[in-house]
Amino acid sequence: MSLYSDAIRALRQVILLDERVRNIATDVTRLSEEIADRRDRVSRIEGMLAAGMLPTRGGSGPRVGRRLPPPSDRSE
């Protein structure tokens, strides 16, 4: 092999490696943005859940739905 063909091959490899590094950097940036987005979503969901678990103001405890009257004693 000639010195020129070795140099060209080496330059091609450097160019390909440079492309890979740039693509990886772009991927890392994109993943970082997606992680930040997921973190924000989880924070909002946590806030919604925390707000939903707070007792209502003026309430005396958990809500109790309507209950059926106790069975009447029909042993007459």
C-alpha atoms as a PDB file:
ATOM      1  CA  MET A   1       0.000   0.000   0.000  1.00  0.00           C
ATOM      2  CA  SER A   2       1.171   3.450  -0.712  1.00  0.00           C
ATOM      3  CA  LEU A   3       1.556   6.146   1.870  1.00  0.00           C
ATOM      4  CA  TYR A   4      -1.263   8.139   0.220  1.00  0.00           C
ATOM      5  CA  SER A   5      -3.807   5.310   0.346  1.00  0.00           C
ATOM      6  CA  ASP A   6      -2.987   4.710   4.030  1.00  0.00           C
ATOM      7  CA  ALA A   7      -3.437   8.410   4.730  1.00  0.00           C
ATOM      8  CA  ILE A   8      -6.762   8.500   2.864  1.00  0.00           C
ATOM      9  CA  ARG A   9      -7.985   5.430   4.734  1.00  0.00           C
ATOM     10  CA  ALA A  10      -6.972   7.010   8.053  1.00  0.00           C
ATOM     11  CA  LEU A  11      -8.751  10.263   7.156  1.00  0.00           C
ATOM     12  CA  ARG A  12     -11.915   8.367   6.259  1.00  0.00           C
ATOM     13  CA  GLN A  13     -11.824   6.604   9.619  1.00  0.00           C
ATOM     14  CA  VAL A  14     -11.332   9.919  11.413  1.00  0.00           C
ATOM     15  CA  ILE A  15     -14.268  11.422   9.524  1.00  0.00           C
ATOM     16  CA  LEU A  16     -16.491   8.433  10.378  1.00  0.00           C
ATOM     17  CA  LEU A  17     -15.470   8.596  14.034  1.00  0.00           C
ATOM     18  CA  ASP A  18     -16.181  12.326  14.088  1.00  0.00           C
ATOM     19  CA  GLU A  19     -19.649  11.679  12.670  1.00  0.00           C
ATOM     20  CA  ARG A  20     -20.303   9.023  15.283  1.00  0.00           C
ATOM     21  CA  VAL A  21     -19.217  11.340  18.106  1.00  0.00           C
ATOM     22  CA  ARG A  22     -21.478  14.109  16.796  1.00  0.00           C
ATOM     23  CA  ASN A  23     -24.421  11.711  16.522  1.00  0.00           C
ATOM     24  CA  ILE A  24     -23.809  10.416  20.033  1.00  0.00           C
ATOM     25  CA  ALA A  25     -23.661  13.979  21.372  1.00  0.00           C
ATOM     26  CA  THR A  26     -26.964  14.756  19.653  1.00  0.00           C
ATOM     27  CA  ASP A  27     -28.509  11.578  21.058  1.00  0.00           C
ATOM     28  CA  VAL A  28     -27.308  12.409  24.570  1.00  0.00           C
ATOM     29  CA  THR A  29     -28.784  15.907  24.297  1.00  0.00           C
ATOM     30  CA  ARG A  30     -32.100  14.499  23.097  1.00  0.00           C
ATOM     31  CA  LEU A  31     -32.169  11.893  25.867  1.00  0.00           C
ATOM     32  CA  SER A  32     -31.362  14.554  28.438  1.00  0.00           C
ATOM     33  CA  GLU A  33     -34.309  16.651  27.237  1.00  0.00           C
ATOM     34  CA  GLU A  34     -36.622  13.629  27.336  1.00  0.00           C
ATOM     35  CA  ILE A  35     -35.518  12.781  30.874  1.00  0.00           C
ATOM     36  CA  ALA A  36     -36.162  16.363  31.991  1.00  0.00           C
ATOM     37  CA  ASP A  37     -39.617  16.201  30.379  1.00  0.00           C
ATOM     38  CA  ARG A  38     -40.418  12.918  32.181  1.00  0.00           C
ATOM     39  CA  ARG A  39     -39.194  14.379  35.475  1.00  0.00           C
ATOM     40  CA  ASP A  40     -41.495  17.390  35.032  1.00  0.00           C
ATOM     41  CA  ARG A  41     -44.441  15.115  34.231  1.00  0.00           C
ATOM     42  CA  VAL A  42     -43.784  12.956  37.293  1.00  0.00           C
ATOM     43  CA  SER A  43     -43.577  16.078  39.460  1.00  0.00           C
ATOM     44  CA  ARG A  44     -46.935  17.284  38.153  1.00  0.00           C
ATOM     45  CA  ILE A  45     -48.526  13.884  38.737  1.00  0.00           C
ATOM     46  CA  GLU A  46     -47.100  13.808  42.273  1.00  0.00           C
ATOM     47  CA  GLY A  47     -48.594  17.234  42.898  1.00  0.00           C
ATOM     48  CA  MET A  48     -51.976  16.128  41.580  1.00  0.00           C
ATOM     49  CA  LEU A  49     -51.927  13.003  43.739  1.00  0.00           C
ATOM     50  CA  ALA A  50     -50.851  14.948  46.815  1.00  0.00           C
ATOM     51  CA  ALA A  51     -53.645  17.482  46.236  1.00  0.00           C
ATOM     52  CA  GLY A  52     -56.162  14.674  45.801  1.00  0.00           C
ATOM     53  CA  MET A  53     -55.154  13.074  49.086  1.00  0.00           C
ATOM     54  CA  LEU A  54     -55.548  16.241  51.147  1.00  0.00           C
ATOM     55  CA  PRO A  55     -58.595  16.285  53.424  1.00  0.00           C
ATOM     56  CA  THR A  56     -61.296  18.694  52.320  1.00  0.00           C
ATOM     57  CA  ARG A  57     -61.663  21.903  54.297  1.00  0.00           C
ATOM     58  CA  GLY A  58     -64.477  21.886  56.765  1.00  0.00           C
ATOM     59  CA  GLY A  59     -64.792  18.161  56.465  1.00  0.00           C
ATOM     60  CA  SER A  60     -64.838  16.019  59.543  1.00  0.00           C
ATOM     61  CA  GLY A  61     -62.994  13.136  58.024  1.00  0.00           C
ATOM     62  CA  PRO A  62     -63.447  10.874  55.064  1.00  0.00           C
ATOM     63  CA  ARG A  63     -66.673  11.133  53.153  1.00  0.00           C
ATOM     64  CA  VAL A  64     -69.276   8.559  53.937  1.00  0.00           C
ATOM     65  CA  GLY A  65     -71.808   7.763  51.269  1.00  0.00           C
ATOM     66  CA  ARG A  66     -75.471   7.135  51.932  1.00  0.00           C
ATOM     67  CA  ARG A  67     -76.048   3.972  53.860  1.00  0.00           C
ATOM     68  CA  LEU A  68     -79.011   1.669  53.865  1.00  0.00           C
ATOM     69  CA  PRO A  69     -81.127   1.723  57.004  1.00  0.00           C
ATOM     70  CA  PRO A  70     -80.554  -1.192  59.386  1.00  0.00           C
ATOM     71  CA  PRO A  71     -82.810  -4.167  58.774  1.00  0.00           C
ATOM     72  CA  SER A  72     -86.065  -3.987  60.699  1.00  0.00           C
ATOM     73  CA  ASP A  73     -86.904  -6.757  63.098  1.00  0.00           C
ATOM     74  CA  ARG A  74     -89.915  -8.541  61.538  1.00  0.00           C
ATOM     75  CA  SER A  75     -90.279 -11.240  64.161  1.00  0.00           C
ATOM     76  CA  GLU A  76     -93.737 -10.059  65.184  1.00  0.00           C
END
